């Protein structure tokens, strides 16, 4: 098993191996909001979506307007950890 330092970049390649089943944002976020009632905020102007688990311990952010190319952020508040995915990451890999 490989271990990575906190600032290491990990590339998933080739992307087509992930398949075409979950290409829409709703395929990733929809179940959390509609099936599990996770509260969310959506900014239609920027496309940003912020979701929190009902207990407030896990957070998912989708921000297609970030200049650094990071679209997905998944974080836990305690012990604090965070993972970020770029727009090139297949949605299957960023699905919580």
PDB file of N, CA and C in Angstrom:
ATOM      1  N   UNK A   1       0.838  -1.181   0.000  1.00  0.00           N
ATOM      2  CA  UNK A   1       0.000   0.000   0.000  1.00  0.00           C
ATOM      3  C   UNK A   1       0.880   1.241   0.000  1.00  0.00           C
ATOM      4  N   UNK A   2       0.497   2.214  -0.811  1.00  0.00           N
ATOM      5  CA  UNK A   2       1.235   3.477  -0.865  1.00  0.00           C
ATOM      6  C   UNK A   2       0.696   4.436   0.172  1.00  0.00           C
ATOM      7  N   UNK A   3       1.583   5.189   0.771  1.00  0.00           N
ATOM      8  CA  UNK A   3       1.160   6.270   1.650  1.00  0.00           C
ATOM      9  C   UNK A   3       1.587   7.572   1.019  1.00  0.00           C
ATOM     10  N   UNK A   4       0.788   8.590   1.192  1.00  0.00           N
ATOM     11  CA  UNK A   4       1.048   9.873   0.575  1.00  0.00           C
ATOM     12  C   UNK A   4       1.152  10.946   1.642  1.00  0.00           C
ATOM     13  N   UNK A   5       2.015  11.902   1.388  1.00  0.00           N
ATOM     14  CA  UNK A   5       2.132  13.065   2.264  1.00  0.00           C
ATOM     15  C   UNK A   5       0.918  13.959   2.051  1.00  0.00           C
ATOM     16  N   UNK A   6       0.564  14.799   3.030  1.00  0.00           N
ATOM     17  CA  UNK A   6      -0.630  15.638   2.912  1.00  0.00           C
ATOM     18  C   UNK A   6      -0.671  16.512   1.664  1.00  0.00           C
ATOM     19  N   UNK A   7       0.464  16.909   1.126  1.00  0.00           N
ATOM     20  CA  UNK A   7       0.472  17.788  -0.046  1.00  0.00           C
ATOM     21  C   UNK A   7       0.754  17.057  -1.354  1.00  0.00           C
ATOM     22  N   UNK A   8       0.830  15.716  -1.331  1.00  0.00           N
ATOM     23  CA  UNK A   8       1.057  14.962  -2.552  1.00  0.00           C
ATOM     24  C   UNK A   8      -0.156  15.045  -3.469  1.00  0.00           C
ATOM     25  N   UNK A   9       0.103  15.146  -4.765  1.00  0.00           N
ATOM     26  CA  UNK A   9      -0.958  15.095  -5.758  1.00  0.00           C
ATOM     27  C   UNK A   9      -1.083  13.656  -6.238  1.00  0.00           C
ATOM     28  N   UNK A  10      -2.313  13.194  -6.377  1.00  0.00           N
ATOM     29  CA  UNK A  10      -2.572  11.845  -6.858  1.00  0.00           C
ATOM     30  C   UNK A  10      -3.440  11.964  -8.095  1.00  0.00           C
ATOM     31  N   UNK A  11      -2.980  11.390  -9.195  1.00  0.00           N
ATOM     32  CA  UNK A  11      -3.720  11.466 -10.443  1.00  0.00           C
ATOM     33  C   UNK A  11      -4.415  10.133 -10.717  1.00  0.00           C
ATOM     34  N   UNK A  12      -5.663  10.211 -11.150  1.00  0.00           N
ATOM     35  CA  UNK A  12      -6.407   9.029 -11.549  1.00  0.00           C
ATOM     36  C   UNK A  12      -6.387   9.014 -13.063  1.00  0.00           C
ATOM     37  N   UNK A  13      -5.795   7.966 -13.635  1.00  0.00           N
ATOM     38  CA  UNK A  13      -5.656   7.945 -15.078  1.00  0.00           C
ATOM     39  C   UNK A  13      -5.633   6.502 -15.553  1.00  0.00           C
ATOM     40  N   UNK A  14      -6.187   6.211 -16.677  1.00  0.00           N
ATOM     41  CA  UNK A  14      -6.965   7.092 -17.534  1.00  0.00           C
ATOM     42  C   UNK A  14      -8.398   7.229 -17.023  1.00  0.00           C
ATOM     43  N   UNK A  15      -8.946   8.387 -17.224  1.00  0.00           N
ATOM     44  CA  UNK A  15     -10.264   8.717 -16.688  1.00  0.00           C
ATOM     45  C   UNK A  15     -11.361   7.808 -17.235  1.00  0.00           C
ATOM     46  N   UNK A  16     -11.248   7.385 -18.489  1.00  0.00           N
ATOM     47  CA  UNK A  16     -12.315   6.593 -19.089  1.00  0.00           C
ATOM     48  C   UNK A  16     -12.546   5.262 -18.384  1.00  0.00           C
ATOM     49  N   UNK A  17     -11.592   4.784 -17.614  1.00  0.00           N
ATOM     50  CA  UNK A  17     -11.778   3.528 -16.890  1.00  0.00           C
ATOM     51  C   UNK A  17     -12.831   3.633 -15.795  1.00  0.00           C
ATOM     52  N   UNK A  18     -13.160   4.835 -15.382  1.00  0.00           N
ATOM     53  CA  UNK A  18     -14.181   5.012 -14.351  1.00  0.00           C
ATOM     54  C   UNK A  18     -15.574   4.759 -14.892  1.00  0.00           C
ATOM     55  N   UNK A  19     -15.733   4.765 -16.190  1.00  0.00           N
ATOM     56  CA  UNK A  19     -17.043   4.505 -16.787  1.00  0.00           C
ATOM     57  C   UNK A  19     -17.847   5.781 -16.920  1.00  0.00           C
ATOM     58  N   UNK A  20     -19.030   5.642 -17.502  1.00  0.00           N
ATOM     59  CA  UNK A  20     -19.853   6.808 -17.785  1.00  0.00           C
ATOM     60  C   UNK A  20     -21.099   6.900 -16.947  1.00  0.00           C
ATOM     61  N   UNK A  21     -21.199   6.146 -15.874  1.00  0.00           N
ATOM     62  CA  UNK A  21     -22.450   6.065 -15.140  1.00  0.00           C
ATOM     63  C   UNK A  21     -22.806   7.271 -14.296  1.00  0.00           C
ATOM     64  N   UNK A  22     -21.840   8.053 -13.831  1.00  0.00           N
ATOM     65  CA  UNK A  22     -22.155   9.143 -12.908  1.00  0.00           C
ATOM     66  C   UNK A  22     -21.529  10.437 -13.394  1.00  0.00           C
ATOM     67  N   UNK A  23     -21.981  10.945 -14.499  1.00  0.00           N
ATOM     68  CA  UNK A  23     -21.377  12.148 -15.050  1.00  0.00           C
ATOM     69  C   UNK A  23     -22.071  13.416 -14.611  1.00  0.00           C
ATOM     70  N   UNK A  24     -23.218  13.320 -13.983  1.00  0.00           N
ATOM     71  CA  UNK A  24     -23.953  14.512 -13.585  1.00  0.00           C
ATOM     72  C   UNK A  24     -23.779  14.782 -12.097  1.00  0.00           C
ATOM     73  N   UNK A  25     -23.764  16.056 -11.760  1.00  0.00           N
ATOM     74  CA  UNK A  25     -23.616  16.468 -10.365  1.00  0.00           C
ATOM     75  C   UNK A  25     -24.725  15.883  -9.502  1.00  0.00           C
ATOM     76  N   UNK A  26     -25.919  15.783 -10.056  1.00  0.00           N
ATOM     77  CA  UNK A  26     -27.046  15.259  -9.285  1.00  0.00           C
ATOM     78  C   UNK A  26     -26.859  13.793  -8.912  1.00  0.00           C
ATOM     79  N   UNK A  27     -26.100  13.035  -9.711  1.00  0.00           N
ATOM     80  CA  UNK A  27     -25.844  11.634  -9.375  1.00  0.00           C
ATOM     81  C   UNK A  27     -25.030  11.506  -8.091  1.00  0.00           C
ATOM     82  N   UNK A  28     -24.224  12.504  -7.805  1.00  0.00           N
ATOM     83  CA  UNK A  28     -23.385  12.482  -6.604  1.00  0.00           C
ATOM     84  C   UNK A  28     -24.112  13.109  -5.416  1.00  0.00           C
ATOM     85  N   UNK A  29     -24.669  14.285  -5.632  1.00  0.00           N
ATOM     86  CA  UNK A  29     -25.266  15.046  -4.536  1.00  0.00           C
ATOM     87  C   UNK A  29     -26.727  14.672  -4.279  1.00  0.00           C
ATOM     88  N   UNK A  30     -27.447  14.306  -5.332  1.00  0.00           N
ATOM     89  CA  UNK A  30     -28.874  14.015  -5.218  1.00  0.00           C
ATOM     90  C   UNK A  30     -29.254  13.049  -4.115  1.00  0.00           C
ATOM     91  N   UNK A  31     -28.604  11.888  -4.009  1.00  0.00           N
ATOM     92  CA  UNK A  31     -28.981  10.953  -2.943  1.00  0.00           C
ATOM     93  C   UNK A  31     -28.810  11.520  -1.534  1.00  0.00           C
ATOM     94  N   UNK A  32     -27.738  12.301  -1.325  1.00  0.00           N
ATOM     95  CA  UNK A  32     -27.530  12.876   0.005  1.00  0.00           C
ATOM     96  C   UNK A  32     -28.661  13.832   0.374  1.00  0.00           C
ATOM     97  N   UNK A  33     -29.063  14.654  -0.585  1.00  0.00           N
ATOM     98  CA  UNK A  33     -30.094  15.663  -0.334  1.00  0.00           C
ATOM     99  C   UNK A  33     -31.485  15.045  -0.320  1.00  0.00           C
ATOM    100  N   UNK A  34     -31.802  14.253  -1.330  1.00  0.00           N
ATOM    101  CA  UNK A  34     -33.179  13.773  -1.492  1.00  0.00           C
ATOM    102  C   UNK A  34     -33.493  12.508  -0.710  1.00  0.00           C
ATOM    103  N   UNK A  35     -32.547  11.601  -0.578  1.00  0.00           N
ATOM    104  CA  UNK A  35     -32.814  10.350   0.145  1.00  0.00           C
ATOM    105  C   UNK A  35     -32.464  10.426   1.622  1.00  0.00           C
ATOM    106  N   UNK A  36     -31.404  11.171   1.943  1.00  0.00           N
ATOM    107  CA  UNK A  36     -30.932  11.196   3.321  1.00  0.00           C
ATOM    108  C   UNK A  36     -31.141  12.540   4.008  1.00  0.00           C
ATOM    109  N   UNK A  37     -31.759  13.489   3.308  1.00  0.00           N
ATOM    110  CA  UNK A  37     -32.159  14.786   3.865  1.00  0.00           C
ATOM    111  C   UNK A  37     -30.992  15.590   4.444  1.00  0.00           C
ATOM    112  N   UNK A  38     -29.834  15.562   3.779  1.00  0.00           N
ATOM    113  CA  UNK A  38     -28.728  16.402   4.209  1.00  0.00           C
ATOM    114  C   UNK A  38     -29.062  17.838   3.833  1.00  0.00           C
ATOM    115  N   UNK A  39     -28.947  18.787   4.751  1.00  0.00           N
ATOM    116  CA  UNK A  39     -29.212  20.191   4.416  1.00  0.00           C
ATOM    117  C   UNK A  39     -28.147  20.730   3.455  1.00  0.00           C
ATOM    118  N   UNK A  40     -28.569  21.649   2.603  1.00  0.00           N
ATOM    119  CA  UNK A  40     -27.640  22.187   1.619  1.00  0.00           C
ATOM    120  C   UNK A  40     -27.937  23.648   1.318  1.00  0.00           C
ATOM    121  N   UNK A  41     -26.927  24.307   0.745  1.00  0.00           N
ATOM    122  CA  UNK A  41     -27.070  25.671   0.248  1.00  0.00           C
ATOM    123  C   UNK A  41     -26.554  25.676  -1.183  1.00  0.00           C
ATOM    124  N   UNK A  42     -27.272  26.359  -2.066  1.00  0.00           N
ATOM    125  CA  UNK A  42     -26.884  26.423  -3.469  1.00  0.00           C
ATOM    126  C   UNK A  42     -26.856  27.869  -3.926  1.00  0.00           C
ATOM    127  N   UNK A  43     -25.772  28.256  -4.566  1.00  0.00           N
ATOM    128  CA  UNK A  43     -25.648  29.594  -5.138  1.00  0.00           C
ATOM    129  C   UNK A  43     -25.743  29.453  -6.659  1.00  0.00           C
ATOM    130  N   UNK A  44     -26.915  29.749  -7.256  1.00  0.00           N
ATOM    131  CA  UNK A  44     -27.075  29.561  -8.696  1.00  0.00           C
ATOM    132  C   UNK A  44     -26.142  30.438  -9.537  1.00  0.00           C
ATOM    133  N   UNK A  45     -25.711  31.558  -8.991  1.00  0.00           N
ATOM    134  CA  UNK A  45     -24.827  32.458  -9.740  1.00  0.00           C
ATOM    135  C   UNK A  45     -23.454  31.829  -9.959  1.00  0.00           C
ATOM    136  N   UNK A  46     -22.910  31.180  -8.939  1.00  0.00           N
ATOM    137  CA  UNK A  46     -21.576  30.584  -9.037  1.00  0.00           C
ATOM    138  C   UNK A  46     -21.606  29.081  -9.286  1.00  0.00           C
ATOM    139  N   UNK A  47     -22.738  28.450  -9.016  1.00  0.00           N
ATOM    140  CA  UNK A  47     -22.837  27.002  -9.128  1.00  0.00           C
ATOM    141  C   UNK A  47     -22.386  26.269  -7.877  1.00  0.00           C
ATOM    142  N   UNK A  48     -21.950  27.023  -6.879  1.00  0.00           N
ATOM    143  CA  UNK A  48     -21.439  26.423  -5.646  1.00  0.00           C
ATOM    144  C   UNK A  48     -22.564  25.755  -4.857  1.00  0.00           C
ATOM    145  N   UNK A  49     -22.263  24.557  -4.337  1.00  0.00           N
ATOM    146  CA  UNK A  49     -23.206  23.810  -3.497  1.00  0.00           C
ATOM    147  C   UNK A  49     -22.449  23.378  -2.251  1.00  0.00           C
ATOM    148  N   UNK A  50     -23.004  23.650  -1.085  1.00  0.00           N
ATOM    149  CA  UNK A  50     -22.435  23.218   0.192  1.00  0.00           C
ATOM    150  C   UNK A  50     -23.448  22.329   0.892  1.00  0.00           C
ATOM    151  N   UNK A  51     -22.985  21.167   1.334  1.00  0.00           N
ATOM    152  CA  UNK A  51     -23.853  20.183   1.978  1.00  0.00           C
ATOM    153  C   UNK A  51     -23.211  19.786   3.300  1.00  0.00           C
ATOM    154  N   UNK A  52     -24.036  19.593   4.317  1.00  0.00           N
ATOM    155  CA  UNK A  52     -23.550  19.130   5.619  1.00  0.00           C
ATOM    156  C   UNK A  52     -24.360  17.909   6.045  1.00  0.00           C
ATOM    157  N   UNK A  53     -23.710  16.977   6.687  1.00  0.00           N
ATOM    158  CA  UNK A  53     -24.451  15.836   7.212  1.00  0.00           C
ATOM    159  C   UNK A  53     -25.400  16.326   8.298  1.00  0.00           C
ATOM    160  N   UNK A  54     -26.488  15.621   8.537  1.00  0.00           N
ATOM    161  CA  UNK A  54     -27.435  16.061   9.566  1.00  0.00           C
ATOM    162  C   UNK A  54     -26.800  16.243  10.947  1.00  0.00           C
ATOM    163  N   UNK A  55     -25.767  15.460  11.255  1.00  0.00           N
ATOM    164  CA  UNK A  55     -25.103  15.602  12.553  1.00  0.00           C
ATOM    165  C   UNK A  55     -24.052  16.710  12.545  1.00  0.00           C
ATOM    166  N   UNK A  56     -23.762  17.274  11.365  1.00  0.00           N
ATOM    167  CA  UNK A  56     -22.808  18.381  11.270  1.00  0.00           C
ATOM    168  C   UNK A  56     -21.354  17.973  11.340  1.00  0.00           C
ATOM    169  N   UNK A  57     -21.054  16.700  11.088  1.00  0.00           N
ATOM    170  CA  UNK A  57     -19.661  16.279  11.192  1.00  0.00           C
ATOM    171  C   UNK A  57     -18.967  16.137   9.835  1.00  0.00           C
ATOM    172  N   UNK A  58     -19.726  15.930   8.770  1.00  0.00           N
ATOM    173  CA  UNK A  58     -19.143  15.756   7.443  1.00  0.00           C
ATOM    174  C   UNK A  58     -19.682  16.848   6.524  1.00  0.00           C
ATOM    175  N   UNK A  59     -18.795  17.420   5.733  1.00  0.00           N
ATOM    176  CA  UNK A  59     -19.163  18.501   4.823  1.00  0.00           C
ATOM    177  C   UNK A  59     -18.691  18.169   3.417  1.00  0.00           C
ATOM    178  N   UNK A  60     -19.518  18.477   2.435  1.00  0.00           N
ATOM    179  CA  UNK A  60     -19.180  18.291   1.036  1.00  0.00           C
ATOM    180  C   UNK A  60     -19.405  19.610   0.324  1.00  0.00           C
ATOM    181  N   UNK A  61     -18.409  20.047  -0.412  1.00  0.00           N
ATOM    182  CA  UNK A  61     -18.540  21.286  -1.157  1.00  0.00           C
ATOM    183  C   UNK A  61     -18.250  21.056  -2.624  1.00  0.00           C
ATOM    184  N   UNK A  62     -19.069  21.620  -3.482  1.00  0.00           N
ATOM    185  CA  UNK A  62     -18.848  21.591  -4.926  1.00  0.00           C
ATOM    186  C   UNK A  62     -18.714  23.039  -5.370  1.00  0.00           C
ATOM    187  N   UNK A  63     -17.543  23.385  -5.915  1.00  0.00           N
ATOM    188  CA  UNK A  63     -17.275  24.781  -6.276  1.00  0.00           C
ATOM    189  C   UNK A  63     -16.615  24.850  -7.649  1.00  0.00           C
ATOM    190  N   UNK A  64     -17.429  24.842  -8.717  1.00  0.00           N
ATOM    191  CA  UNK A  64     -16.849  24.861 -10.066  1.00  0.00           C
ATOM    192  C   UNK A  64     -16.208  26.191 -10.442  1.00  0.00           C
ATOM    193  N   UNK A  65     -16.352  27.208  -9.598  1.00  0.00           N
ATOM    194  CA  UNK A  65     -15.787  28.527  -9.900  1.00  0.00           C
ATOM    195  C   UNK A  65     -14.416  28.761  -9.259  1.00  0.00           C
ATOM    196  N   UNK A  66     -13.863  27.777  -8.563  1.00  0.00           N
ATOM    197  CA  UNK A  66     -12.566  27.970  -7.917  1.00  0.00           C
ATOM    198  C   UNK A  66     -11.459  28.115  -8.953  1.00  0.00           C
ATOM    199  N   UNK A  67     -10.627  29.130  -8.831  1.00  0.00           N
ATOM    200  CA  UNK A  67      -9.576  29.359  -9.830  1.00  0.00           C
ATOM    201  C   UNK A  67      -8.474  28.292  -9.827  1.00  0.00           C
ATOM    202  N   UNK A  68      -8.333  27.545  -8.729  1.00  0.00           N
ATOM    203  CA  UNK A  68      -7.286  26.525  -8.674  1.00  0.00           C
ATOM    204  C   UNK A  68      -7.716  25.191  -9.274  1.00  0.00           C
ATOM    205  N   UNK A  69      -8.962  25.097  -9.766  1.00  0.00           N
ATOM    206  CA  UNK A  69      -9.427  23.872 -10.419  1.00  0.00           C
ATOM    207  C   UNK A  69      -9.968  22.812  -9.485  1.00  0.00           C
ATOM    208  N   UNK A  70      -9.970  23.077  -8.183  1.00  0.00           N
ATOM    209  CA  UNK A  70     -10.531  22.118  -7.233  1.00  0.00           C
ATOM    210  C   UNK A  70     -12.049  22.293  -7.224  1.00  0.00           C
ATOM    211  N   UNK A  71     -12.750  21.244  -7.604  1.00  0.00           N
ATOM    212  CA  UNK A  71     -14.221  21.322  -7.650  1.00  0.00           C
ATOM    213  C   UNK A  71     -14.868  20.721  -6.413  1.00  0.00           C
ATOM    214  N   UNK A  72     -14.325  19.641  -5.890  1.00  0.00           N
ATOM    215  CA  UNK A  72     -14.934  18.924  -4.768  1.00  0.00           C
ATOM    216  C   UNK A  72     -14.063  19.022  -3.531  1.00  0.00           C
ATOM    217  N   UNK A  73     -14.690  19.232  -2.387  1.00  0.00           N
ATOM    218  CA  UNK A  73     -14.008  19.154  -1.098  1.00  0.00           C
ATOM    219  C   UNK A  73     -14.895  18.343  -0.168  1.00  0.00           C
ATOM    220  N   UNK A  74     -14.312  17.338   0.452  1.00  0.00           N
ATOM    221  CA  UNK A  74     -15.016  16.548   1.461  1.00  0.00           C
ATOM    222  C   UNK A  74     -14.210  16.685   2.743  1.00  0.00           C
ATOM    223  N   UNK A  75     -14.872  17.047   3.837  1.00  0.00           N
ATOM    224  CA  UNK A  75     -14.157  17.301   5.096  1.00  0.00           C
ATOM    225  C   UNK A  75     -14.935  16.742   6.276  1.00  0.00           C
ATOM    226  N   UNK A  76     -14.205  16.440   7.324  1.00  0.00           N
ATOM    227  CA  UNK A  76     -14.783  15.994   8.592  1.00  0.00           C
ATOM    228  C   UNK A  76     -14.243  16.927   9.669  1.00  0.00           C
ATOM    229  N   UNK A  77     -15.101  17.294  10.615  1.00  0.00           N
ATOM    230  CA  UNK A  77     -14.673  18.331  11.565  1.00  0.00           C
ATOM    231  C   UNK A  77     -13.793  17.830  12.697  1.00  0.00           C
ATOM    232  N   UNK A  78     -13.915  16.562  13.109  1.00  0.00           N
ATOM    233  CA  UNK A  78     -13.094  16.097  14.224  1.00  0.00           C
ATOM    234  C   UNK A  78     -12.902  14.597  14.161  1.00  0.00           C
ATOM    235  N   UNK A  79     -11.729  14.032  14.037  1.00  0.00           N
ATOM    236  CA  UNK A  79     -10.505  14.785  13.867  1.00  0.00           C
ATOM    237  C   UNK A  79     -10.510  15.414  12.489  1.00  0.00           C
ATOM    238  N   UNK A  80     -10.050  16.637  12.412  1.00  0.00           N
ATOM    239  CA  UNK A  80     -10.175  17.361  11.161  1.00  0.00           C
ATOM    240  C   UNK A  80      -9.374  16.690  10.050  1.00  0.00           C
ATOM    241  N   UNK A  81     -10.038  16.428   8.956  1.00  0.00           N
ATOM    242  CA  UNK A  81      -9.374  15.975   7.745  1.00  0.00           C
ATOM    243  C   UNK A  81     -10.156  16.508   6.551  1.00  0.00           C
ATOM    244  N   UNK A  82      -9.472  16.585   5.431  1.00  0.00           N
ATOM    245  CA  UNK A  82     -10.089  17.132   4.230  1.00  0.00           C
ATOM    246  C   UNK A  82      -9.435  16.500   3.003  1.00  0.00           C
ATOM    247  N   UNK A  83     -10.241  16.250   1.996  1.00  0.00           N
ATOM    248  CA  UNK A  83      -9.736  15.764   0.721  1.00  0.00           C
ATOM    249  C   UNK A  83     -10.333  16.630  -0.372  1.00  0.00           C
ATOM    250  N   UNK A  84      -9.532  16.918  -1.394  1.00  0.00           N
ATOM    251  CA  UNK A  84      -9.988  17.767  -2.487  1.00  0.00           C
ATOM    252  C   UNK A  84      -9.787  17.036  -3.805  1.00  0.00           C
ATOM    253  N   UNK A  85     -10.732  17.273  -4.734  1.00  0.00           N
ATOM    254  CA  UNK A  85     -10.675  16.657  -6.050  1.00  0.00           C
ATOM    255  C   UNK A  85     -10.788  17.737  -7.117  1.00  0.00           C
ATOM    256  N   UNK A  86     -10.030  17.591  -8.197  1.00  0.00           N
ATOM    257  CA  UNK A  86     -10.119  18.544  -9.305  1.00  0.00           C
ATOM    258  C   UNK A  86     -11.261  18.160 -10.231  1.00  0.00           C
ATOM    259  N   UNK A  87     -11.519  19.010 -11.210  1.00  0.00           N
ATOM    260  CA  UNK A  87     -12.593  18.743 -12.157  1.00  0.00           C
ATOM    261  C   UNK A  87     -12.291  17.522 -13.014  1.00  0.00           C
ATOM    262  N   UNK A  88     -11.031  17.108 -13.107  1.00  0.00           N
ATOM    263  CA  UNK A  88     -10.673  15.932 -13.892  1.00  0.00           C
ATOM    264  C   UNK A  88     -10.980  14.620 -13.176  1.00  0.00           C
ATOM    265  N   UNK A  89     -11.242  14.683 -11.883  1.00  0.00           N
ATOM    266  CA  UNK A  89     -11.520  13.475 -11.117  1.00  0.00           C
ATOM    267  C   UNK A  89     -12.898  12.947 -11.485  1.00  0.00           C
ATOM    268  N   UNK A  90     -13.002  11.672 -11.855  1.00  0.00           N
ATOM    269  CA  UNK A  90     -14.325  11.115 -12.136  1.00  0.00           C
ATOM    270  C   UNK A  90     -15.211  11.232 -10.911  1.00  0.00           C
ATOM    271  N   UNK A  91     -16.482  11.519 -11.128  1.00  0.00           N
ATOM    272  CA  UNK A  91     -17.385  11.716  -9.991  1.00  0.00           C
ATOM    273  C   UNK A  91     -17.485  10.452  -9.139  1.00  0.00           C
ATOM    274  N   UNK A  92     -17.224   9.280  -9.709  1.00  0.00           N
ATOM    275  CA  UNK A  92     -17.245   8.044  -8.925  1.00  0.00           C
ATOM    276  C   UNK A  92     -16.206   8.097  -7.808  1.00  0.00           C
ATOM    277  N   UNK A  93     -15.072   8.742  -8.067  1.00  0.00           N
ATOM    278  CA  UNK A  93     -14.014   8.816  -7.068  1.00  0.00           C
ATOM    279  C   UNK A  93     -14.304   9.823  -5.978  1.00  0.00           C
ATOM    280  N   UNK A  94     -15.093  10.842  -6.272  1.00  0.00           N
ATOM    281  CA  UNK A  94     -15.374  11.876  -5.270  1.00  0.00           C
ATOM    282  C   UNK A  94     -16.684  11.639  -4.543  1.00  0.00           C
ATOM    283  N   UNK A  95     -17.376  10.580  -4.883  1.00  0.00           N
ATOM    284  CA  UNK A  95     -18.656  10.273  -4.242  1.00  0.00           C
ATOM    285  C   UNK A  95     -18.387   9.872  -2.800  1.00  0.00           C
ATOM    286  N   UNK A  96     -19.023  10.557  -1.846  1.00  0.00           N
ATOM    287  CA  UNK A  96     -18.750  10.262  -0.433  1.00  0.00           C
ATOM    288  C   UNK A  96     -19.278   8.918  -0.001  1.00  0.00           C
TER     289      UNK A  96
END
